[in-house]
């Protein structure tokens, strides 16, 4: 029987919008082996944002996650949360080629320099769907 891994879906935008004083214990979950996913929860009631990069920043600042952990949280762990980790969520042979290229010096920069569009190129299912004008 295949091992079922727990995936926690956390919503930093909702924590922020609802002015929560206590946040989900993401750091403790990760230390216990729980796969943490971050999502926007885009809705007018609790989180009126579609900015996934902002969720990575909030994951670091509010939930005490590391930059690599927030990147995993919005990629492979997000795919796992919806049961699609065998098809999407990471760059592997046989998976759908969904890729973004960012104009940043390294992965740690994404949650650090927030509120800015760093996207240079977007590839969806192996096809370029967006390229920043030169």
N, C-alpha and C. Protein backbone atom coordinates (compact mmCIF):
# COMPACT_ATOMS: atom_id res chain seq x y z
N UNK A 1 0.84 -1.18 0.00
CA UNK A 1 0.00 0.00 0.00
C UNK A 1 0.89 1.24 0.00
N UNK A 2 0.57 2.22 -0.85
CA UNK A 2 1.37 3.44 -0.96
C UNK A 2 1.19 4.30 0.29
N UNK A 3 2.30 4.93 0.69
CA UNK A 3 2.26 5.81 1.85
C UNK A 3 1.51 7.09 1.50
N UNK A 4 0.61 7.50 2.36
CA UNK A 4 -0.10 8.76 2.18
C UNK A 4 0.60 9.82 3.00
N UNK A 5 1.04 10.86 2.34
CA UNK A 5 1.72 11.95 3.03
C UNK A 5 0.73 13.08 3.25
N UNK A 6 0.73 13.62 4.45
CA UNK A 6 -0.17 14.72 4.81
C UNK A 6 0.32 16.00 4.15
N UNK A 7 -0.61 16.75 3.55
CA UNK A 7 -0.31 18.05 2.98
C UNK A 7 -1.24 19.08 3.63
N UNK A 8 -0.63 20.08 4.27
CA UNK A 8 -1.40 21.16 4.89
C UNK A 8 -1.47 22.32 3.91
N UNK A 9 -2.66 22.83 3.66
CA UNK A 9 -2.84 23.99 2.79
C UNK A 9 -3.02 25.21 3.68
N UNK A 10 -2.04 26.12 3.61
CA UNK A 10 -2.07 27.33 4.43
C UNK A 10 -2.33 28.55 3.54
N UNK A 11 -3.02 29.53 4.10
CA UNK A 11 -3.49 30.68 3.34
C UNK A 11 -3.00 31.98 3.99
N UNK A 12 -1.76 32.39 3.69
CA UNK A 12 -1.22 33.59 4.33
C UNK A 12 -2.03 34.85 4.05
N UNK A 13 -2.60 34.98 2.85
CA UNK A 13 -3.41 36.16 2.54
C UNK A 13 -4.61 36.27 3.44
N UNK A 14 -5.23 35.13 3.75
CA UNK A 14 -6.38 35.13 4.66
C UNK A 14 -5.93 35.50 6.08
N UNK A 15 -4.78 34.96 6.51
CA UNK A 15 -4.25 35.32 7.84
C UNK A 15 -4.05 36.83 7.94
N UNK A 16 -3.49 37.41 6.88
CA UNK A 16 -3.24 38.85 6.84
C UNK A 16 -4.54 39.65 6.78
N UNK A 17 -5.41 39.31 5.83
CA UNK A 17 -6.65 40.07 5.64
C UNK A 17 -7.57 40.02 6.85
N UNK A 18 -7.56 38.89 7.55
CA UNK A 18 -8.42 38.73 8.72
C UNK A 18 -7.75 39.20 10.01
N UNK A 19 -6.53 39.80 9.86
CA UNK A 19 -5.77 40.33 11.01
C UNK A 19 -5.59 39.30 12.11
N UNK A 20 -5.26 38.08 11.71
CA UNK A 20 -5.07 37.02 12.70
C UNK A 20 -3.86 37.33 13.58
N UNK A 21 -4.03 37.13 14.85
CA UNK A 21 -2.93 37.36 15.79
C UNK A 21 -2.06 36.12 15.92
N UNK A 22 -2.64 34.96 15.65
CA UNK A 22 -1.91 33.70 15.73
C UNK A 22 -1.97 33.04 14.36
N UNK A 23 -0.82 32.60 13.88
CA UNK A 23 -0.72 31.98 12.57
C UNK A 23 -0.61 30.47 12.68
N UNK A 24 -0.94 29.77 11.60
CA UNK A 24 -0.76 28.31 11.61
C UNK A 24 0.71 27.97 11.91
N UNK A 25 0.96 26.89 12.61
CA UNK A 25 2.34 26.54 12.99
C UNK A 25 3.12 25.87 11.85
N UNK A 26 3.34 26.60 10.77
CA UNK A 26 4.01 26.05 9.60
C UNK A 26 5.37 25.46 9.93
N UNK A 27 6.16 26.19 10.70
CA UNK A 27 7.52 25.72 11.04
C UNK A 27 7.45 24.36 11.73
N UNK A 28 6.55 24.21 12.68
CA UNK A 28 6.41 22.95 13.42
C UNK A 28 5.90 21.85 12.49
N UNK A 29 4.97 22.17 11.61
CA UNK A 29 4.46 21.19 10.65
C UNK A 29 5.59 20.64 9.79
N UNK A 30 6.40 21.55 9.27
CA UNK A 30 7.52 21.14 8.41
C UNK A 30 8.49 20.26 9.18
N UNK A 31 8.80 20.65 10.40
CA UNK A 31 9.72 19.86 11.24
C UNK A 31 9.15 18.48 11.56
N UNK A 32 7.83 18.33 11.53
CA UNK A 32 7.19 17.03 11.77
C UNK A 32 6.99 16.23 10.48
N UNK A 33 7.46 16.77 9.35
CA UNK A 33 7.37 16.04 8.09
C UNK A 33 6.12 16.29 7.28
N UNK A 34 5.34 17.28 7.66
CA UNK A 34 4.14 17.62 6.91
C UNK A 34 4.54 18.46 5.70
N UNK A 35 4.00 18.14 4.54
CA UNK A 35 4.21 18.95 3.35
C UNK A 35 3.28 20.16 3.44
N UNK A 36 3.86 21.35 3.45
CA UNK A 36 3.07 22.57 3.57
C UNK A 36 2.90 23.19 2.19
N UNK A 37 1.66 23.50 1.84
CA UNK A 37 1.31 24.17 0.60
C UNK A 37 0.84 25.58 0.95
N UNK A 38 1.23 26.56 0.14
CA UNK A 38 0.72 27.92 0.30
C UNK A 38 -0.16 28.25 -0.89
N UNK A 39 -1.26 28.93 -0.63
CA UNK A 39 -2.18 29.33 -1.69
C UNK A 39 -2.72 30.72 -1.39
N UNK A 40 -3.31 31.35 -2.40
CA UNK A 40 -3.84 32.70 -2.21
C UNK A 40 -5.21 32.72 -1.56
N UNK A 41 -6.03 31.72 -1.79
CA UNK A 41 -7.42 31.71 -1.34
C UNK A 41 -8.17 32.91 -1.91
N UNK A 42 -7.88 33.26 -3.16
CA UNK A 42 -8.48 34.44 -3.77
C UNK A 42 -10.00 34.42 -3.63
N UNK A 43 -10.50 35.29 -2.77
CA UNK A 43 -11.95 35.48 -2.64
C UNK A 43 -12.20 36.80 -1.92
N UNK A 44 -13.32 37.44 -2.17
CA UNK A 44 -13.58 38.75 -1.57
C UNK A 44 -13.86 38.72 -0.06
N UNK A 45 -14.07 37.55 0.50
CA UNK A 45 -14.38 37.47 1.92
C UNK A 45 -13.18 37.47 2.84
N UNK A 46 -12.06 36.88 2.39
CA UNK A 46 -10.94 36.76 3.32
C UNK A 46 -9.56 37.00 2.71
N UNK A 47 -9.47 37.07 1.39
CA UNK A 47 -8.15 37.23 0.79
C UNK A 47 -8.29 37.72 -0.65
N UNK A 48 -8.38 39.01 -0.83
CA UNK A 48 -8.60 39.57 -2.16
C UNK A 48 -7.27 39.84 -2.87
N UNK A 49 -6.52 38.76 -3.10
CA UNK A 49 -5.28 38.86 -3.86
C UNK A 49 -5.06 37.58 -4.64
N UNK A 50 -4.50 37.74 -5.83
CA UNK A 50 -4.11 36.57 -6.61
C UNK A 50 -2.59 36.47 -6.71
N UNK A 51 -1.87 37.21 -5.86
CA UNK A 51 -0.42 37.28 -5.93
C UNK A 51 0.24 36.11 -5.19
N UNK A 52 0.62 35.10 -5.94
CA UNK A 52 1.33 33.97 -5.34
C UNK A 52 2.72 34.38 -4.84
N UNK A 53 3.46 35.28 -5.56
CA UNK A 53 4.74 35.73 -4.99
C UNK A 53 4.57 36.41 -3.63
N UNK A 54 3.48 37.15 -3.44
CA UNK A 54 3.24 37.75 -2.13
C UNK A 54 3.03 36.68 -1.07
N UNK A 55 2.38 35.57 -1.44
CA UNK A 55 2.18 34.48 -0.48
C UNK A 55 3.53 33.89 -0.07
N UNK A 56 4.52 33.86 -0.98
CA UNK A 56 5.84 33.35 -0.61
C UNK A 56 6.50 34.27 0.41
N UNK A 57 6.34 35.58 0.21
CA UNK A 57 6.89 36.54 1.18
C UNK A 57 6.23 36.36 2.54
N UNK A 58 4.91 36.24 2.53
CA UNK A 58 4.18 36.06 3.79
C UNK A 58 4.53 34.74 4.45
N UNK A 59 4.76 33.71 3.63
CA UNK A 59 5.18 32.42 4.18
C UNK A 59 6.48 32.55 4.96
N UNK A 60 7.40 33.35 4.43
CA UNK A 60 8.67 33.56 5.13
C UNK A 60 8.50 34.45 6.36
N UNK A 61 7.82 35.57 6.20
CA UNK A 61 7.76 36.55 7.29
C UNK A 61 6.75 36.16 8.39
N UNK A 62 5.58 35.67 8.00
CA UNK A 62 4.55 35.37 8.98
C UNK A 62 4.63 33.94 9.50
N UNK A 63 4.99 33.01 8.61
CA UNK A 63 4.96 31.60 8.99
C UNK A 63 6.35 31.04 9.30
N UNK A 64 7.38 31.87 9.15
CA UNK A 64 8.77 31.50 9.48
C UNK A 64 9.31 30.36 8.61
N UNK A 65 8.84 30.31 7.37
CA UNK A 65 9.33 29.30 6.43
C UNK A 65 10.58 29.84 5.73
N UNK A 66 11.42 28.94 5.26
CA UNK A 66 12.62 29.31 4.51
C UNK A 66 12.24 29.54 3.04
N UNK A 67 13.03 30.33 2.31
CA UNK A 67 12.73 30.54 0.89
C UNK A 67 12.55 29.25 0.09
N UNK A 68 13.39 28.27 0.29
CA UNK A 68 13.25 27.00 -0.44
C UNK A 68 11.95 26.30 -0.06
N UNK A 69 11.53 26.43 1.19
CA UNK A 69 10.29 25.81 1.64
C UNK A 69 9.07 26.48 1.01
N UNK A 70 9.09 27.81 0.87
CA UNK A 70 7.94 28.47 0.25
C UNK A 70 7.86 28.16 -1.24
N UNK A 71 9.01 28.00 -1.88
CA UNK A 71 9.00 27.63 -3.31
C UNK A 71 8.43 26.22 -3.47
N UNK A 72 8.83 25.30 -2.61
CA UNK A 72 8.25 23.95 -2.64
C UNK A 72 6.76 24.02 -2.33
N UNK A 73 6.37 24.93 -1.43
CA UNK A 73 4.97 25.05 -1.01
C UNK A 73 4.06 25.49 -2.15
N UNK A 74 4.58 26.29 -3.09
CA UNK A 74 3.74 26.77 -4.19
C UNK A 74 3.96 25.97 -5.48
N UNK A 75 4.79 24.93 -5.41
CA UNK A 75 5.03 24.10 -6.60
C UNK A 75 4.64 22.65 -6.30
N UNK A 76 5.60 21.84 -5.90
CA UNK A 76 5.35 20.40 -5.73
C UNK A 76 4.34 20.11 -4.62
N UNK A 77 4.38 20.86 -3.53
CA UNK A 77 3.42 20.60 -2.46
C UNK A 77 2.01 21.05 -2.85
N UNK A 78 1.92 22.11 -3.65
CA UNK A 78 0.61 22.54 -4.16
C UNK A 78 0.05 21.48 -5.10
N UNK A 79 0.89 20.92 -5.95
CA UNK A 79 0.46 19.85 -6.85
C UNK A 79 -0.01 18.64 -6.04
N UNK A 80 0.71 18.31 -4.97
CA UNK A 80 0.33 17.18 -4.11
C UNK A 80 -1.02 17.45 -3.44
N UNK A 81 -1.25 18.69 -3.06
CA UNK A 81 -2.51 19.04 -2.38
C UNK A 81 -3.73 18.79 -3.26
N UNK A 82 -3.55 18.86 -4.57
CA UNK A 82 -4.68 18.60 -5.49
C UNK A 82 -4.53 17.27 -6.22
N UNK A 83 -3.63 16.42 -5.71
CA UNK A 83 -3.48 15.08 -6.27
C UNK A 83 -2.85 15.01 -7.66
N UNK A 84 -2.01 16.00 -8.02
CA UNK A 84 -1.43 16.03 -9.36
C UNK A 84 0.10 16.02 -9.36
N UNK A 85 0.71 15.62 -8.25
CA UNK A 85 2.17 15.66 -8.14
C UNK A 85 2.90 14.75 -9.12
N UNK A 86 2.22 13.78 -9.70
CA UNK A 86 2.85 12.90 -10.70
C UNK A 86 2.87 13.55 -12.08
N UNK A 87 2.09 14.62 -12.26
CA UNK A 87 1.97 15.30 -13.56
C UNK A 87 2.61 16.68 -13.58
N UNK A 88 2.53 17.41 -12.48
CA UNK A 88 2.98 18.81 -12.42
C UNK A 88 3.67 19.08 -11.10
N UNK A 89 4.23 20.28 -10.96
CA UNK A 89 4.77 20.71 -9.67
C UNK A 89 6.27 20.64 -9.54
N UNK A 90 6.94 19.99 -10.47
CA UNK A 90 8.40 19.93 -10.45
C UNK A 90 8.90 19.67 -11.86
N UNK A 91 10.17 19.97 -12.08
CA UNK A 91 10.78 19.75 -13.39
C UNK A 91 11.38 18.36 -13.43
N UNK A 92 10.64 17.44 -14.05
CA UNK A 92 11.08 16.06 -14.16
C UNK A 92 10.65 15.50 -15.51
N UNK A 93 11.43 14.57 -16.02
CA UNK A 93 11.08 13.91 -17.27
C UNK A 93 9.71 13.26 -17.12
N UNK A 94 8.85 13.49 -18.12
CA UNK A 94 7.52 12.91 -18.12
C UNK A 94 6.45 13.81 -17.53
N UNK A 95 6.86 14.89 -16.84
CA UNK A 95 5.88 15.81 -16.29
C UNK A 95 5.61 16.93 -17.28
N UNK A 96 4.47 17.57 -17.09
CA UNK A 96 4.09 18.71 -17.92
C UNK A 96 5.10 19.83 -17.74
N UNK A 97 5.56 20.43 -18.84
CA UNK A 97 6.57 21.49 -18.78
C UNK A 97 5.92 22.84 -18.51
N UNK A 98 5.70 23.13 -17.23
CA UNK A 98 5.20 24.43 -16.78
C UNK A 98 6.37 25.11 -16.07
N UNK A 99 6.87 26.19 -16.66
CA UNK A 99 8.11 26.80 -16.16
C UNK A 99 7.97 28.32 -16.18
N UNK A 100 8.51 28.98 -15.15
CA UNK A 100 8.66 30.43 -15.21
C UNK A 100 10.14 30.75 -15.05
N UNK A 101 10.60 31.72 -15.81
CA UNK A 101 11.95 32.24 -15.66
C UNK A 101 11.83 33.61 -15.02
N UNK A 102 12.57 33.82 -13.94
CA UNK A 102 12.50 35.06 -13.18
C UNK A 102 13.79 35.84 -13.31
N UNK A 103 13.68 37.14 -13.34
CA UNK A 103 14.85 38.02 -13.37
C UNK A 103 15.26 38.33 -11.93
N UNK A 104 15.86 37.34 -11.28
CA UNK A 104 16.33 37.49 -9.91
C UNK A 104 17.68 36.80 -9.79
N UNK A 105 18.53 37.26 -8.86
CA UNK A 105 19.86 36.66 -8.76
C UNK A 105 19.88 35.23 -8.23
N UNK A 106 18.91 34.86 -7.38
CA UNK A 106 18.82 33.50 -6.86
C UNK A 106 17.44 33.31 -6.24
N UNK A 107 17.12 32.07 -5.87
CA UNK A 107 15.78 31.76 -5.38
C UNK A 107 15.41 32.48 -4.09
N UNK A 108 16.40 32.86 -3.29
CA UNK A 108 16.12 33.55 -2.02
C UNK A 108 15.54 34.95 -2.24
N UNK A 109 15.78 35.49 -3.42
CA UNK A 109 15.36 36.84 -3.74
C UNK A 109 13.85 36.95 -3.93
N UNK A 110 13.20 35.89 -4.37
CA UNK A 110 11.77 35.94 -4.67
C UNK A 110 10.93 36.41 -3.46
N UNK A 111 11.04 35.77 -2.30
CA UNK A 111 10.24 36.27 -1.17
C UNK A 111 10.80 37.55 -0.55
N UNK A 112 12.07 37.85 -0.81
CA UNK A 112 12.73 39.02 -0.24
C UNK A 112 12.31 40.31 -0.95
N UNK A 113 12.28 40.30 -2.27
CA UNK A 113 11.94 41.49 -3.05
C UNK A 113 10.50 41.35 -3.55
N UNK A 114 9.56 41.73 -2.71
CA UNK A 114 8.14 41.49 -2.99
C UNK A 114 7.48 42.70 -3.62
N UNK A 115 6.31 42.45 -4.23
CA UNK A 115 5.53 43.51 -4.84
C UNK A 115 6.04 43.94 -6.21
N UNK A 116 6.93 43.15 -6.79
CA UNK A 116 7.53 43.46 -8.08
C UNK A 116 7.33 42.26 -9.00
N UNK A 117 7.05 42.52 -10.27
CA UNK A 117 6.90 41.45 -11.24
C UNK A 117 8.28 41.05 -11.76
N UNK A 118 8.78 39.90 -11.31
CA UNK A 118 10.09 39.40 -11.72
C UNK A 118 10.02 38.48 -12.94
N UNK A 119 8.83 38.21 -13.45
CA UNK A 119 8.66 37.21 -14.51
C UNK A 119 9.21 37.70 -15.85
N UNK A 120 10.10 36.90 -16.42
CA UNK A 120 10.66 37.17 -17.75
C UNK A 120 9.96 36.32 -18.81
N UNK A 121 9.68 35.05 -18.46
CA UNK A 121 9.15 34.12 -19.44
C UNK A 121 8.27 33.10 -18.73
N UNK A 122 7.15 32.75 -19.38
CA UNK A 122 6.26 31.72 -18.85
C UNK A 122 6.06 30.66 -19.93
N UNK A 123 6.29 29.41 -19.55
CA UNK A 123 6.08 28.27 -20.44
C UNK A 123 5.00 27.41 -19.81
N UNK A 124 3.95 27.12 -20.56
CA UNK A 124 2.83 26.30 -20.07
C UNK A 124 2.65 25.14 -21.03
N UNK A 125 2.72 23.93 -20.49
CA UNK A 125 2.62 22.71 -21.31
C UNK A 125 3.63 22.72 -22.45
N UNK A 126 4.82 23.26 -22.17
CA UNK A 126 5.91 23.26 -23.16
C UNK A 126 5.85 24.39 -24.17
N UNK A 127 4.85 25.25 -24.09
CA UNK A 127 4.71 26.36 -25.04
C UNK A 127 4.89 27.69 -24.33
N UNK A 128 5.62 28.62 -24.97
CA UNK A 128 5.79 29.96 -24.40
C UNK A 128 4.44 30.68 -24.48
N UNK A 129 3.94 31.13 -23.33
CA UNK A 129 2.66 31.84 -23.29
C UNK A 129 2.82 33.31 -22.88
N UNK A 130 4.00 33.67 -22.39
CA UNK A 130 4.27 35.06 -22.04
C UNK A 130 5.77 35.29 -22.08
N UNK A 131 6.15 36.43 -22.65
CA UNK A 131 7.54 36.84 -22.62
C UNK A 131 7.57 38.35 -22.42
N UNK A 132 8.32 38.79 -21.42
CA UNK A 132 8.42 40.22 -21.16
C UNK A 132 9.06 40.90 -22.36
N UNK A 133 8.47 42.00 -22.81
CA UNK A 133 9.07 42.73 -23.93
C UNK A 133 10.48 43.21 -23.58
N UNK A 134 11.35 43.23 -24.57
CA UNK A 134 12.74 43.66 -24.36
C UNK A 134 12.82 45.12 -24.03
